Amino acid sequence: MTAERTVPSPGVPPRDHGFPPVSVVPPRGGRTGPRLPPAPSRPASPLPLLVADAAAVAPAVPVLTGARLDPLLVALLIGASLLLRPREVRGPVPGLLEELPAVSGRVAVAWLATAALWAAYRPEQALSASTVLTGTAVQAAAGCALRAAVHGRRRAALLRHPLAALVVGPVAGAQRVAAAVLRHPRCGVRPVGIVAEGPDGGDALPVLRTDEEVDRAVIQNGVRAVLAVGPSARAEHGPLLRALAGSGCVVWEVDADSAPYPARERLAGFSCRRLDLAPVRGGGIGKRLLDILVSGTLLLLVSPLLLVCAVTLRVTDGPGVVFRQERIGRDGKPFTLLKFRTHRPVDEHESATRWSVANEHEMRRFCRMLRRTSLDELLQLWNVLRGDMSLVGPRPERPYFVAQFSQTYPGYATRHRMRTGITGLAQVHGLRGDTSIEDRCRFDNAYIDDWSLWRDVCILLRTAATLVRPTGS
């Protein structure tokens, strides 16, 4: 939520850049990258692991002889085991020891849950502690062995037919990552080209600089993976990465430096994480339904409060209760943002180009209260209901500053992949008012990359908690 004092934003040079107030995000349908064939990749089938997890119950069945091998008990154990089975790993194929803790823990929970339900259903045939412990150990050992066999076949297949990959990023870092991956064929990835701007270093891999060269490399080599070296690759080659992801490629962000990503996978020793760049990630129907349900309900509940605020503002500060301002939304499309007016700009130019409000301490007391409690933002619920905004997403900014920040901060324009929001991950981390634009940009893009409906719910709950101790917008 943008503060509006005359203090310039941290990191923004105090000079007139002269950027026109227009969107910097190219409209849909334009030439934003190579025209790649729509050939989605084929992910590994979950069926072999599903069969392995179900078959792991068989060696543990003889342990249940004391319960007379009741078919209902066996079916209950199989159901619990499949319900609690480990999730599919999207990264490199794991090994036996890597999966041992997860498999053992879930098998133990399955046996405990089965024993509890069986004791409630047939107390006279309750499973003993030794039966549960023995069954857990036998099934965990069998499950790990069977899953290891499945993963072994997958690793062998990747060694025979590794995924052809493009390495995207600065030439030096991309060549270093490509050389390391080529030295470790067990990764199951084979770099076939580097996408970068600049002279190549004389390595064997060709450096691709045009869309036509990328098109040719993808088609001729059957590229199904992309290694984006560092966050700068995502910022500089965003359209290309999204086009490759849309064609079915798996996109990994690889850190070629020393700072690792927490709790992520590794590729040839480099920290990496998978990026979800498909457009549907930020625009699921579940997110829109949540927006409509919550914004509609809140508008009904707070309508008396909105009326009181409007009447009080009209009486204390004169006409012109609603403040309308053009902001940039999803895909760079402008929309009119609504909020209660808490100040009067000198003219439209000041409203569009001044970062914050002059002499905020001279505002009337009621206007200051609206800003401190963020009540002036409540009218944006109407923007959410209309579809201009979402409840959770990157905060929208004015066209003038979108153009300015997109020039200054790599990755700022990519925030517009998703519908803008009233609150967001950056705001719940304290990035409100005159705070770092670079930090906001990083949090916003991280939110979009890792978006889920549950994360939206968590951010809304954390936002509601901050309203108890308001610090201003």
Protein backbone atom coordinates (compact mmCIF):
# COMPACT_ATOMS: atom_id res chain seq x y z
CA MET A 1 0.00 0.00 0.00
CA THR A 2 1.81 3.06 -1.25
CA ALA A 3 2.63 5.84 1.15
CA GLU A 4 2.27 9.32 -0.27
CA ARG A 5 4.75 11.64 1.37
CA THR A 6 7.38 13.67 -0.45
CA VAL A 7 10.19 11.39 0.68
CA PRO A 8 11.55 9.52 -2.36
CA SER A 9 11.48 5.75 -2.35
CA PRO A 10 14.70 4.10 -1.14
CA GLY A 11 17.00 3.32 -4.03
CA VAL A 12 15.19 5.58 -6.51
CA PRO A 13 17.41 8.45 -7.73
CA PRO A 14 15.78 11.84 -7.04
CA ARG A 15 15.64 12.95 -10.63
CA ASP A 16 13.02 13.26 -13.33
CA HIS A 17 13.34 10.22 -15.57
CA GLY A 18 10.80 11.56 -18.01
CA PHE A 19 9.17 8.18 -18.60
CA PRO A 20 5.70 8.42 -20.13
CA PRO A 21 2.80 7.12 -18.05
CA VAL A 22 2.25 4.00 -20.11
CA SER A 23 2.37 0.29 -19.42
CA VAL A 24 5.74 -1.39 -19.86
CA VAL A 25 4.33 -4.91 -20.06
CA PRO A 26 3.73 -6.02 -23.66
CA PRO A 27 0.13 -6.89 -24.46
CA ARG A 28 -0.91 -10.45 -25.13
CA GLY A 29 -0.62 -11.58 -28.65
CA GLY A 30 2.61 -9.64 -29.27
CA ARG A 31 5.97 -11.10 -30.11
CA THR A 32 7.33 -11.88 -26.63
CA GLY A 33 9.59 -14.80 -27.42
CA PRO A 34 10.24 -17.66 -29.79
CA ARG A 35 7.27 -19.36 -31.41
CA LEU A 36 7.82 -22.80 -30.03
CA PRO A 37 5.80 -25.88 -30.99
CA PRO A 38 3.11 -26.82 -28.44
CA ALA A 39 4.66 -30.17 -27.53
CA PRO A 40 4.14 -30.66 -23.80
CA SER A 41 6.62 -32.84 -22.00
CA ARG A 42 5.58 -36.19 -20.63
CA PRO A 43 6.07 -36.32 -16.86
CA ALA A 44 6.96 -39.60 -15.24
CA SER A 45 3.85 -41.71 -14.62
CA PRO A 46 2.87 -41.94 -10.92
CA LEU A 47 1.50 -45.45 -11.47
CA PRO A 48 4.75 -47.41 -10.78
CA LEU A 49 5.26 -45.72 -7.42
CA LEU A 50 1.57 -46.15 -6.59
CA VAL A 51 1.85 -49.88 -7.29
CA ALA A 52 5.07 -50.07 -5.25
CA ASP A 53 3.44 -48.42 -2.23
CA ALA A 54 0.43 -50.75 -2.42
CA ALA A 55 2.58 -53.86 -2.92
CA ALA A 56 4.70 -52.96 0.12
CA VAL A 57 1.73 -53.92 2.31
CA ALA A 58 1.91 -57.57 1.18
CA PRO A 59 5.07 -58.55 3.15
CA ALA A 60 3.52 -57.03 6.28
CA VAL A 61 0.24 -58.97 6.04
CA PRO A 62 1.60 -62.12 7.78
CA VAL A 63 2.28 -59.93 10.83
CA LEU A 64 -1.52 -59.63 11.21
CA THR A 65 -2.07 -63.36 11.86
CA GLY A 66 -3.18 -62.53 15.37
CA ALA A 67 -6.09 -60.59 13.89
CA ARG A 68 -7.05 -63.61 11.75
CA LEU A 69 -6.21 -61.73 8.56
CA ASP A 70 -9.54 -60.00 8.41
CA PRO A 71 -9.98 -58.64 4.84
CA LEU A 72 -11.41 -55.43 6.24
CA LEU A 73 -8.28 -54.86 8.32
CA VAL A 74 -6.03 -55.46 5.30
CA ALA A 75 -8.13 -53.10 3.16
CA LEU A 76 -7.97 -50.46 5.90
CA LEU A 77 -4.18 -50.74 6.07
CA ILE A 78 -3.81 -50.48 2.29
CA GLY A 79 -6.10 -47.44 2.17
CA ALA A 80 -4.22 -45.67 4.97
CA SER A 81 -0.86 -46.45 3.33
CA LEU A 82 -1.93 -45.06 -0.05
CA LEU A 83 -3.57 -42.01 1.52
CA LEU A 84 -0.37 -41.15 3.40
CA ARG A 85 2.07 -42.12 0.65
CA PRO A 86 4.92 -39.63 -0.05
CA ARG A 87 4.28 -36.98 -2.67
CA GLU A 88 5.81 -37.22 -6.10
CA VAL A 89 9.25 -35.60 -6.22
CA ARG A 90 9.47 -33.08 -9.08
CA GLY A 91 13.22 -32.69 -8.88
CA PRO A 92 16.08 -35.10 -9.56
CA VAL A 93 15.26 -38.76 -8.92
CA PRO A 94 15.85 -39.42 -5.19
CA GLY A 95 17.88 -42.26 -3.73
CA LEU A 96 16.99 -44.92 -1.16
CA LEU A 97 18.44 -43.12 1.86
CA GLU A 98 16.85 -39.82 0.85
CA GLU A 99 13.36 -41.33 0.91
CA LEU A 100 13.85 -43.52 3.98
CA PRO A 101 12.72 -40.95 6.61
CA ALA A 102 9.60 -39.87 4.68
CA VAL A 103 8.52 -43.43 3.82
CA SER A 104 9.14 -44.75 7.34
CA GLY A 105 7.29 -41.87 8.98
CA ARG A 106 4.22 -42.20 6.78
CA VAL A 107 4.11 -45.98 7.16
CA ALA A 108 4.27 -45.59 10.94
CA VAL A 109 1.38 -43.11 10.87
CA ALA A 110 -0.62 -45.46 8.62
CA TRP A 111 -0.16 -48.36 11.04
CA LEU A 112 -1.02 -46.26 14.09
CA ALA A 113 -4.14 -44.88 12.41
CA THR A 114 -5.19 -48.37 11.29
CA ALA A 115 -4.63 -49.79 14.78
CA ALA A 116 -6.68 -46.98 16.37
CA LEU A 117 -9.60 -47.41 13.96
CA TRP A 118 -9.53 -51.20 14.30
CA ALA A 119 -9.51 -50.98 18.09
CA ALA A 120 -12.53 -48.69 17.98
CA TYR A 121 -14.36 -51.03 15.57
CA ARG A 122 -13.40 -54.38 17.16
CA PRO A 123 -11.92 -53.88 20.63
CA GLU A 124 -11.55 -57.63 21.19
CA GLN A 125 -9.11 -57.83 18.22
CA ALA A 126 -7.04 -54.72 18.95
CA LEU A 127 -3.52 -54.85 17.54
CA SER A 128 -0.71 -55.11 20.06
CA ALA A 129 2.21 -52.70 20.21
CA SER A 130 4.64 -55.39 19.01
CA THR A 131 2.40 -56.09 16.00
CA VAL A 132 2.31 -52.41 15.05
CA LEU A 133 6.09 -52.02 15.44
CA THR A 134 6.89 -55.18 13.47
CA GLY A 135 4.41 -54.36 10.72
CA THR A 136 5.77 -50.80 10.43
CA ALA A 137 9.37 -52.06 10.09
CA VAL A 138 8.50 -54.73 7.51
CA GLN A 139 6.33 -52.45 5.36
CA ALA A 140 8.81 -49.55 5.54
CA ALA A 141 11.65 -51.82 4.41
CA ALA A 142 9.58 -53.26 1.57
CA GLY A 143 8.31 -49.82 0.52
CA CYS A 144 11.80 -48.33 0.39
CA ALA A 145 13.12 -51.30 -1.59
CA LEU A 146 10.29 -51.20 -4.13
CA ARG A 147 10.49 -47.43 -4.54
CA ALA A 148 14.27 -47.68 -4.95
CA ALA A 149 13.72 -50.17 -7.77
CA VAL A 150 11.32 -47.77 -9.52
CA HIS A 151 13.72 -44.84 -9.10
CA GLY A 152 16.59 -47.00 -10.34
CA ARG A 153 14.75 -47.72 -13.58
CA ARG A 154 14.02 -44.02 -14.00
CA ARG A 155 17.67 -43.07 -13.44
CA ALA A 156 18.76 -45.69 -15.97
CA ALA A 157 16.27 -44.30 -18.48
CA LEU A 158 17.58 -40.76 -17.91
CA LEU A 159 21.16 -41.94 -18.41
CA ARG A 160 20.18 -43.51 -21.72
CA HIS A 161 17.98 -40.63 -22.82
CA PRO A 162 18.82 -37.46 -20.82
CA LEU A 163 16.64 -34.38 -21.08
CA ALA A 164 18.00 -31.94 -23.65
CA ALA A 165 18.30 -28.52 -21.98
CA LEU A 166 19.04 -24.90 -22.78
CA VAL A 167 21.06 -22.85 -20.29
CA VAL A 168 19.84 -19.26 -20.04
CA GLY A 169 21.74 -16.43 -18.36
CA PRO A 170 25.01 -14.49 -18.37
CA VAL A 171 27.59 -16.17 -20.60
CA ALA A 172 30.19 -16.85 -17.90
CA GLY A 173 27.75 -18.30 -15.38
CA ALA A 174 25.82 -20.25 -18.01
CA GLN A 175 28.98 -21.85 -19.38
CA ARG A 176 30.10 -22.81 -15.87
CA VAL A 177 26.75 -24.45 -15.09
CA ALA A 178 26.60 -26.20 -18.47
CA ALA A 179 30.13 -27.59 -18.09
CA ALA A 180 29.38 -28.89 -14.57
CA VAL A 181 26.14 -30.57 -15.67
CA LEU A 182 27.89 -32.20 -18.63
CA ARG A 183 30.50 -33.61 -16.23
CA HIS A 184 27.72 -35.23 -14.17
CA PRO A 185 25.55 -37.27 -16.55
CA ARG A 186 23.72 -38.84 -13.59
CA CYS A 187 21.77 -35.58 -13.38
CA GLY A 188 19.78 -36.77 -16.37
CA VAL A 189 20.17 -33.40 -18.11
CA ARG A 190 22.22 -32.69 -21.25
CA PRO A 191 22.80 -29.01 -22.14
CA VAL A 192 22.68 -28.40 -25.89
CA GLY A 193 23.01 -24.61 -26.06
CA ILE A 194 23.38 -21.37 -24.14
CA VAL A 195 20.99 -18.44 -24.52
CA ALA A 196 22.84 -15.24 -23.68
CA GLU A 197 23.78 -11.83 -24.96
CA GLY A 198 27.48 -11.38 -25.39
CA PRO A 199 30.49 -13.15 -26.88
CA ASP A 200 30.88 -16.86 -26.34
CA GLY A 201 33.88 -18.19 -24.53
CA GLY A 202 34.94 -20.65 -27.19
CA ASP A 203 33.26 -23.60 -25.47
CA ALA A 204 31.72 -26.47 -27.37
CA LEU A 205 28.13 -25.39 -26.71
CA PRO A 206 26.76 -22.80 -29.14
CA VAL A 207 25.55 -19.43 -27.84
CA LEU A 208 22.06 -18.60 -29.14
CA ARG A 209 21.20 -14.92 -29.46
CA THR A 210 18.07 -14.73 -31.62
CA ASP A 211 14.57 -16.21 -31.43
CA GLU A 212 15.18 -18.08 -34.67
CA GLU A 213 18.28 -19.78 -33.25
CA VAL A 214 16.37 -20.78 -30.13
CA ASP A 215 13.50 -22.12 -32.25
CA ARG A 216 15.91 -24.24 -34.28
CA ALA A 217 17.72 -25.57 -31.20
CA VAL A 218 14.48 -26.52 -29.45
CA ILE A 219 13.06 -28.34 -32.47
CA GLN A 220 16.26 -30.10 -33.57
CA ASN A 221 17.28 -31.27 -30.09
CA GLY A 222 13.84 -31.86 -28.59
CA VAL A 223 14.58 -29.51 -25.68
CA ARG A 224 12.49 -30.38 -22.63
CA ALA A 225 14.36 -28.56 -19.83
CA VAL A 226 15.68 -25.04 -19.19
CA LEU A 227 18.33 -24.01 -16.66
CA ALA A 228 17.96 -20.31 -15.81
CA VAL A 229 21.19 -19.20 -14.14
CA GLY A 230 20.40 -16.82 -11.29
CA PRO A 231 17.46 -14.43 -10.75
CA SER A 232 18.85 -12.08 -13.41
CA ALA A 233 18.06 -14.67 -16.10
CA ARG A 234 14.41 -14.65 -15.11
CA ALA A 235 14.35 -10.85 -15.18
CA GLU A 236 16.14 -10.44 -18.52
CA HIS A 237 14.65 -13.44 -20.35
CA GLY A 238 11.19 -13.61 -18.78
CA PRO A 239 9.21 -13.81 -22.06
CA LEU A 240 11.55 -16.52 -23.39
CA LEU A 241 11.28 -18.60 -20.19
CA ARG A 242 7.49 -18.33 -20.19
CA ALA A 243 7.38 -19.33 -23.87
CA LEU A 244 9.58 -22.36 -23.18
CA ALA A 245 7.46 -23.31 -20.15
CA GLY A 246 4.33 -22.96 -22.27
CA SER A 247 5.82 -25.35 -24.85
CA GLY A 248 6.21 -28.02 -22.16
CA CYS A 249 9.75 -27.42 -20.87
CA VAL A 250 10.61 -27.77 -17.19
CA VAL A 251 12.30 -24.55 -16.01
CA TRP A 252 14.85 -24.65 -13.19
CA GLU A 253 16.46 -21.61 -11.59
CA VAL A 254 20.08 -22.50 -10.79
CA ASP A 255 22.25 -20.52 -8.41
CA ALA A 256 25.77 -20.45 -9.83
CA ASP A 257 27.10 -18.46 -6.85
CA SER A 258 27.65 -19.46 -3.26
CA ALA A 259 24.31 -18.40 -1.73
CA PRO A 260 22.03 -21.47 -1.78
CA TYR A 261 18.26 -21.52 -1.92
CA PRO A 262 16.87 -22.90 1.34
CA ALA A 263 15.19 -26.32 1.29
CA ARG A 264 15.57 -26.79 -2.46
CA GLU A 265 17.06 -29.45 -4.74
CA ARG A 266 20.56 -29.60 -6.14
CA LEU A 267 21.76 -30.17 -9.67
CA ALA A 268 25.42 -31.11 -10.20
CA GLY A 269 26.09 -29.50 -6.80
CA PHE A 270 24.33 -26.23 -7.64
CA SER A 271 21.35 -25.08 -5.59
CA CYS A 272 18.25 -25.00 -7.76
CA ARG A 273 14.51 -24.74 -7.60
CA ARG A 274 11.79 -25.47 -10.09
CA LEU A 275 9.86 -22.49 -11.46
CA ASP A 276 6.20 -22.66 -12.40
CA LEU A 277 5.84 -20.06 -15.16
CA ALA A 278 2.62 -21.27 -16.74
CA PRO A 279 0.04 -18.45 -16.91
CA VAL A 280 -2.59 -20.53 -15.12
CA ARG A 281 -0.60 -20.40 -11.89
CA GLY A 282 -1.65 -16.86 -11.13
CA GLY A 283 -5.19 -17.01 -12.45
CA GLY A 284 -6.85 -20.16 -11.19
CA ILE A 285 -10.60 -20.30 -10.88
CA GLY A 286 -10.20 -21.06 -7.17
CA LYS A 287 -8.46 -17.74 -6.60
CA ARG A 288 -11.18 -15.85 -8.44
CA LEU A 289 -13.94 -17.62 -6.52
CA LEU A 290 -12.18 -16.73 -3.25
CA ASP A 291 -11.97 -13.09 -4.37
CA ILE A 292 -15.67 -12.92 -5.23
CA LEU A 293 -16.81 -14.68 -2.07
CA VAL A 294 -14.67 -12.68 0.37
CA SER A 295 -14.95 -9.27 -1.31
CA GLY A 296 -18.72 -9.59 -1.74
CA THR A 297 -19.20 -10.66 1.87
CA LEU A 298 -16.94 -7.92 3.21
CA LEU A 299 -18.67 -5.24 1.13
CA LEU A 300 -21.99 -6.25 2.66
CA LEU A 301 -20.56 -6.34 6.20
CA VAL A 302 -18.63 -3.05 6.05
CA SER A 303 -21.14 -1.05 4.00
CA PRO A 304 -22.34 0.82 7.14
CA LEU A 305 -18.72 1.65 7.98
CA LEU A 306 -18.09 2.84 4.42
CA LEU A 307 -21.15 5.09 4.65
CA VAL A 308 -19.96 6.56 7.97
CA CYS A 309 -16.48 7.20 6.56
CA ALA A 310 -17.89 8.85 3.43
CA VAL A 311 -20.27 11.14 5.37
CA THR A 312 -17.59 12.09 7.92
CA LEU A 313 -15.06 12.80 5.19
CA ARG A 314 -17.58 14.93 3.31
CA VAL A 315 -18.43 16.97 6.41
CA THR A 316 -14.86 17.45 7.64
CA ASP A 317 -13.00 17.92 4.36
CA GLY A 318 -15.50 19.00 1.74
CA PRO A 319 -16.69 17.41 -1.51
CA GLY A 320 -14.81 14.77 -3.44
CA VAL A 321 -14.96 11.77 -1.11
CA VAL A 322 -13.74 9.09 -3.54
CA PHE A 323 -10.22 9.30 -4.96
CA ARG A 324 -9.76 7.71 -8.41
CA GLN A 325 -6.35 7.00 -9.88
CA GLU A 326 -5.04 5.01 -12.83
CA ARG A 327 -2.97 1.99 -11.85
CA ILE A 328 -1.35 -0.82 -13.83
CA GLY A 329 -2.83 -4.28 -13.41
CA ARG A 330 -2.35 -7.75 -14.84
CA ASP A 331 -0.56 -7.95 -18.20
CA GLY A 332 0.13 -4.21 -18.04
CA LYS A 333 -3.51 -3.21 -18.48
CA PRO A 334 -4.53 0.04 -16.74
CA PHE A 335 -7.54 0.27 -14.47
CA THR A 336 -9.07 2.87 -12.14
CA LEU A 337 -8.29 2.24 -8.48
CA LEU A 338 -10.74 3.51 -5.86
CA LYS A 339 -9.99 4.69 -2.33
CA PHE A 340 -11.19 7.33 0.10
CA ARG A 341 -9.56 10.69 -0.55
CA THR A 342 -7.21 11.64 2.28
CA HIS A 343 -5.37 14.48 0.50
CA ARG A 344 -5.85 16.88 -2.38
CA PRO A 345 -3.04 16.89 -4.98
CA VAL A 346 -2.23 20.18 -6.66
CA ASP A 347 -3.09 18.81 -10.09
CA GLU A 348 -3.28 15.58 -12.08
CA HIS A 349 0.44 15.70 -12.88
CA GLU A 350 1.34 15.74 -9.20
CA SER A 351 -1.12 12.93 -8.53
CA ALA A 352 0.44 10.76 -11.25
CA THR A 353 4.14 11.49 -10.67
CA ARG A 354 4.68 12.38 -7.02
CA TRP A 355 5.68 9.34 -4.98
CA SER A 356 4.05 10.50 -1.75
CA VAL A 357 1.86 13.18 -0.24
CA ALA A 358 3.33 16.51 0.78
CA ASN A 359 2.92 17.56 4.43
CA GLU A 360 1.07 14.46 5.59
CA HIS A 361 1.34 15.77 9.16
CA GLU A 362 -0.88 18.68 8.10
CA MET A 363 -3.74 16.38 7.08
CA ARG A 364 -6.94 16.59 9.00
CA ARG A 365 -7.14 14.21 11.92
CA PHE A 366 -9.81 12.01 10.35
CA CYS A 367 -7.79 11.65 7.12
CA ARG A 368 -4.70 10.64 9.09
CA MET A 369 -6.78 8.05 10.93
CA LEU A 370 -8.04 6.60 7.65
CA ARG A 371 -4.49 6.20 6.38
CA ARG A 372 -3.07 4.75 9.61
CA THR A 373 -5.83 2.12 9.82
CA SER A 374 -5.88 1.46 6.03
CA LEU A 375 -9.62 2.16 6.02
CA ASP A 376 -9.05 4.36 2.97
CA GLU A 377 -8.28 1.13 1.05
CA LEU A 378 -11.64 -0.54 1.75
CA LEU A 379 -13.17 0.77 -1.48
CA GLN A 380 -10.73 -1.45 -3.37
CA LEU A 381 -12.99 -4.36 -2.45
CA TRP A 382 -15.15 -3.08 -5.32
CA ASN A 383 -12.11 -3.32 -7.63
CA VAL A 384 -11.70 -6.93 -6.47
CA LEU A 385 -15.36 -7.76 -7.07
CA ARG A 386 -15.18 -6.25 -10.57
CA GLY A 387 -12.06 -8.27 -11.41
CA ASP A 388 -9.63 -5.33 -11.68
CA MET A 389 -7.71 -6.64 -8.66
CA SER A 390 -7.42 -9.65 -6.39
CA LEU A 391 -7.45 -9.83 -2.60
CA VAL A 392 -3.83 -11.04 -2.63
CA GLY A 393 -1.21 -10.07 -5.17
CA PRO A 394 1.45 -7.46 -5.95
CA ARG A 395 0.33 -3.94 -5.06
CA PRO A 396 -0.62 -1.92 -8.18
CA GLU A 397 1.37 1.19 -9.00
CA ARG A 398 0.87 4.23 -11.22
CA PRO A 399 2.01 4.06 -14.87
CA TYR A 400 4.72 6.65 -14.32
CA PHE A 401 6.39 4.60 -11.59
CA VAL A 402 5.82 1.27 -13.33
CA ALA A 403 7.87 2.57 -16.25
CA GLN A 404 10.51 4.03 -13.92
CA PHE A 405 10.87 0.98 -11.68
CA SER A 406 10.87 -1.42 -14.64
CA GLN A 407 13.93 0.41 -15.96
CA THR A 408 15.65 0.47 -12.56
CA TYR A 409 14.84 -2.89 -10.98
CA PRO A 410 15.24 -6.17 -12.93
CA GLY A 411 12.11 -8.29 -12.69
CA TYR A 412 9.75 -5.48 -11.71
CA ALA A 413 7.67 -5.79 -14.87
CA THR A 414 7.24 -9.54 -14.32
CA ARG A 415 5.11 -8.75 -11.25
CA HIS A 416 2.30 -8.08 -13.70
CA ARG A 417 1.97 -11.77 -14.57
CA MET A 418 -0.71 -11.90 -11.89
CA ARG A 419 -3.68 -9.75 -11.01
CA THR A 420 -2.65 -7.05 -8.53
CA GLY A 421 -3.95 -7.20 -4.97
CA ILE A 422 -5.02 -5.25 -1.90
CA THR A 423 -2.38 -7.03 0.16
CA GLY A 424 0.46 -9.39 -0.64
CA LEU A 425 3.48 -11.33 0.56
CA ALA A 426 5.61 -8.17 0.52
CA GLN A 427 3.12 -6.26 2.68
CA VAL A 428 2.86 -8.95 5.38
CA HIS A 429 6.67 -8.88 5.56
CA GLY A 430 6.61 -5.19 6.45
CA LEU A 431 7.30 -3.81 2.96
CA ARG A 432 4.75 -1.00 3.09
CA GLY A 433 5.15 2.71 2.64
CA ASP A 434 8.64 4.05 1.89
CA THR A 435 10.43 0.71 1.77
CA SER A 436 12.75 -0.94 -0.73
CA ILE A 437 11.21 -1.41 -4.18
CA GLU A 438 13.80 -4.08 -4.92
CA ASP A 439 12.71 -6.09 -1.88
CA ARG A 440 9.03 -5.72 -2.81
CA CYS A 441 9.77 -6.93 -6.33
CA ARG A 442 11.61 -9.99 -5.02
CA PHE A 443 8.81 -10.94 -2.61
CA ASP A 444 6.12 -10.37 -5.26
CA ASN A 445 7.81 -12.62 -7.81
CA ALA A 446 8.45 -15.28 -5.16
CA TYR A 447 4.75 -15.20 -4.28
CA ILE A 448 3.74 -15.66 -7.93
CA ASP A 449 6.22 -18.49 -8.49
CA ASP A 450 5.04 -20.41 -5.41
CA TRP A 451 1.38 -19.40 -5.52
CA SER A 452 -1.26 -21.61 -3.91
CA LEU A 453 -4.76 -20.99 -2.64
CA TRP A 454 -3.69 -21.85 0.91
CA ARG A 455 -0.93 -19.24 0.73
CA ASP A 456 -3.57 -16.63 -0.17
CA VAL A 457 -5.58 -17.64 2.89
CA CYS A 458 -2.48 -17.38 5.11
CA ILE A 459 -1.63 -13.92 3.78
CA LEU A 460 -5.21 -12.74 4.35
CA LEU A 461 -5.09 -13.99 7.95
CA ARG A 462 -1.74 -12.28 8.56
CA THR A 463 -3.08 -9.08 7.03
CA ALA A 464 -6.11 -9.18 9.33
CA ALA A 465 -3.74 -9.62 12.29
CA THR A 466 -1.72 -6.54 11.29
CA LEU A 467 -4.87 -4.40 11.28
CA VAL A 468 -4.96 -4.82 15.06
CA ARG A 469 -1.68 -2.90 15.22
CA PRO A 470 -1.96 -0.51 12.22
CA THR A 471 1.18 1.23 11.01
CA GLY A 472 -0.14 3.10 8.01
CA SER A 473 -0.41 2.33 4.32
